């Protein structure tokens, strides 16, 4: 009876292989999801950087009754951040006729092609913003 108890200790090879397979499957699913989550979190910096520019364009629109004169460094719109002069993940922010284009740096898995473009459209004497660009196509913003 004592010899049977000694033989029942530990895991079999099949049990260990099954456990390793389960861990491998979970890892294969978790790592890409985590990477996309972290990219979206870093992309929030790009979205938030547009806030003063959006506010400036909206002020310009209300002041000038149009978007034609909504250029950087005028009517409350901050000056452009030229390519190479940005901070953090942002390479540049350019405003042209109210359209705000942010180009990111190649950091944290986000590429310079993952642009964030905000386009204003007048409606009922207010602006509605639409989002497009590579960041939207990549699923970093809605």
Protein backbone atom coordinates (compact mmCIF):
# COMPACT_ATOMS: atom_id res chain seq x y z
CA UNK A 1 0.00 0.00 0.00
CA UNK A 2 2.82 2.41 0.78
CA UNK A 3 4.46 1.86 -2.60
CA UNK A 4 1.24 2.96 -4.39
CA UNK A 5 1.17 6.26 -2.50
CA UNK A 6 4.74 7.06 -3.53
CA UNK A 7 3.87 6.52 -7.20
CA UNK A 8 0.94 8.99 -7.16
CA UNK A 9 3.03 12.09 -6.47
CA UNK A 10 3.69 14.77 -9.13
CA UNK A 11 2.31 15.53 -12.61
CA UNK A 12 2.37 13.36 -15.67
CA UNK A 13 4.07 14.49 -18.84
CA UNK A 14 0.70 14.94 -20.58
CA UNK A 15 -0.59 17.17 -17.79
CA UNK A 16 2.50 19.36 -18.05
CA UNK A 17 2.21 19.59 -21.86
CA UNK A 18 -1.46 20.58 -21.57
CA UNK A 19 -0.60 23.29 -19.03
CA UNK A 20 2.16 24.64 -21.30
CA UNK A 21 -0.21 24.64 -24.29
CA UNK A 22 -2.85 26.58 -22.32
CA UNK A 23 -0.27 29.17 -21.22
CA UNK A 24 0.95 29.47 -24.83
CA UNK A 25 -2.58 30.07 -26.15
CA UNK A 26 -3.33 32.67 -23.47
CA UNK A 27 -0.04 34.44 -24.22
CA UNK A 28 -0.74 34.48 -27.96
CA UNK A 29 -4.06 36.21 -27.30
CA UNK A 30 -2.96 38.53 -24.48
CA UNK A 31 0.20 40.07 -25.97
CA UNK A 32 -1.38 41.59 -29.12
CA UNK A 33 -4.33 42.89 -27.09
CA UNK A 34 -1.98 44.48 -24.58
CA UNK A 35 0.11 46.08 -27.34
CA UNK A 36 -2.97 47.62 -28.96
CA UNK A 37 -4.16 48.85 -25.56
CA UNK A 38 -0.83 50.56 -24.84
CA UNK A 39 -0.76 52.16 -28.32
CA UNK A 40 -4.24 53.58 -27.77
CA UNK A 41 -3.14 54.92 -24.38
CA UNK A 42 -0.14 56.68 -25.97
CA UNK A 43 -2.33 58.00 -28.79
CA UNK A 44 -4.43 59.87 -26.21
CA UNK A 45 -1.50 62.31 -25.92
CA UNK A 46 -1.99 63.17 -29.59
CA UNK A 47 -5.73 63.68 -29.19
CA UNK A 48 -5.29 65.89 -26.11
CA UNK A 49 -2.64 68.02 -27.81
CA UNK A 50 -5.28 69.29 -30.24
CA UNK A 51 -7.40 70.91 -27.50
CA UNK A 52 -5.87 74.42 -27.64
CA UNK A 53 -5.94 74.33 -31.44
CA UNK A 54 -9.61 73.27 -31.51
CA UNK A 55 -10.49 76.00 -29.05
CA UNK A 56 -8.60 78.54 -31.16
CA UNK A 57 -10.33 77.46 -34.38
CA UNK A 58 -13.73 77.65 -32.69
CA UNK A 59 -12.94 81.14 -31.39
CA UNK A 60 -11.73 82.19 -34.84
CA UNK A 61 -14.89 80.84 -36.45
CA UNK A 62 -17.09 82.80 -34.05
CA UNK A 63 -15.03 85.96 -34.50
CA UNK A 64 -14.63 85.92 -38.29
CA UNK A 65 -17.83 84.06 -39.28
CA UNK A 66 -15.84 81.61 -41.40
CA UNK A 67 -12.89 79.26 -41.54
CA UNK A 68 -10.95 80.95 -44.36
CA UNK A 69 -9.05 83.25 -41.98
CA UNK A 70 -8.44 80.58 -39.34
CA UNK A 71 -4.69 80.27 -39.69
CA UNK A 72 -2.03 79.66 -37.04
CA UNK A 73 -0.93 82.57 -34.83
CA UNK A 74 -4.10 84.51 -35.68
CA UNK A 75 -7.52 84.94 -34.04
CA UNK A 76 -6.59 82.88 -30.97
CA UNK A 77 -5.10 79.89 -32.79
CA UNK A 78 -1.70 78.83 -31.44
CA UNK A 79 1.30 78.77 -33.76
CA UNK A 80 1.99 75.58 -35.69
CA UNK A 81 4.37 73.06 -34.21
CA UNK A 82 6.64 72.46 -37.16
CA UNK A 83 8.00 68.98 -37.98
CA UNK A 84 10.86 68.06 -35.69
CA UNK A 85 9.91 70.62 -33.02
CA UNK A 86 7.25 68.62 -31.20
CA UNK A 87 7.45 67.08 -27.75
CA UNK A 88 6.90 63.51 -26.67
CA UNK A 89 5.09 61.47 -29.27
CA UNK A 90 4.04 64.54 -31.32
CA UNK A 91 6.22 65.51 -34.27
CA UNK A 92 4.07 68.34 -35.64
CA UNK A 93 0.67 70.05 -35.43
CA UNK A 94 -0.36 72.05 -38.49
CA UNK A 95 -3.52 74.19 -38.84
CA UNK A 96 -4.72 75.18 -42.30
CA UNK A 97 -8.13 76.80 -42.85
CA UNK A 98 -9.28 75.33 -39.54
CA UNK A 99 -8.18 71.76 -40.34
CA UNK A 100 -5.86 70.43 -37.63
CA UNK A 101 -3.34 67.75 -38.64
CA UNK A 102 -1.16 66.02 -36.05
CA UNK A 103 1.74 63.85 -37.16
CA UNK A 104 3.18 61.53 -34.50
CA UNK A 105 6.74 60.39 -34.07
CA UNK A 106 7.74 56.77 -34.54
CA UNK A 107 7.38 55.81 -30.86
CA UNK A 108 5.55 53.15 -28.82
CA UNK A 109 4.45 51.30 -31.93
CA UNK A 110 2.75 54.39 -33.38
CA UNK A 111 4.04 55.38 -36.81
CA UNK A 112 4.20 58.80 -38.50
CA UNK A 113 1.53 57.56 -40.91
CA UNK A 114 -0.92 57.29 -37.97
CA UNK A 115 -1.95 60.93 -38.36
CA UNK A 116 -4.83 62.53 -36.49
CA UNK A 117 -6.82 64.96 -38.64
CA UNK A 118 -9.67 67.08 -37.29
CA UNK A 119 -11.88 68.76 -39.87
CA UNK A 120 -14.42 71.39 -38.78
CA UNK A 121 -17.77 71.72 -40.47
CA UNK A 122 -20.07 74.69 -39.73
CA UNK A 123 -23.58 73.74 -38.62
CA UNK A 124 -26.08 76.08 -36.94
CA UNK A 125 -23.37 78.69 -36.30
CA UNK A 126 -21.23 76.11 -34.48
CA UNK A 127 -18.50 73.70 -35.55
CA UNK A 128 -18.86 69.94 -35.77
CA UNK A 129 -15.55 68.06 -35.82
CA UNK A 130 -14.91 64.95 -37.87
CA UNK A 131 -11.91 62.70 -37.30
CA UNK A 132 -9.91 60.97 -40.01
CA UNK A 133 -6.34 59.93 -40.71
CA UNK A 134 -4.15 56.91 -40.16
CA UNK A 135 -4.82 56.83 -36.41
CA UNK A 136 -8.53 56.33 -37.02
CA UNK A 137 -7.85 53.60 -39.59
CA UNK A 138 -5.56 51.85 -37.09
CA UNK A 139 -8.33 51.97 -34.46
CA UNK A 140 -6.61 54.30 -31.99
CA UNK A 141 -9.56 56.74 -31.99
CA UNK A 142 -13.25 56.50 -32.84
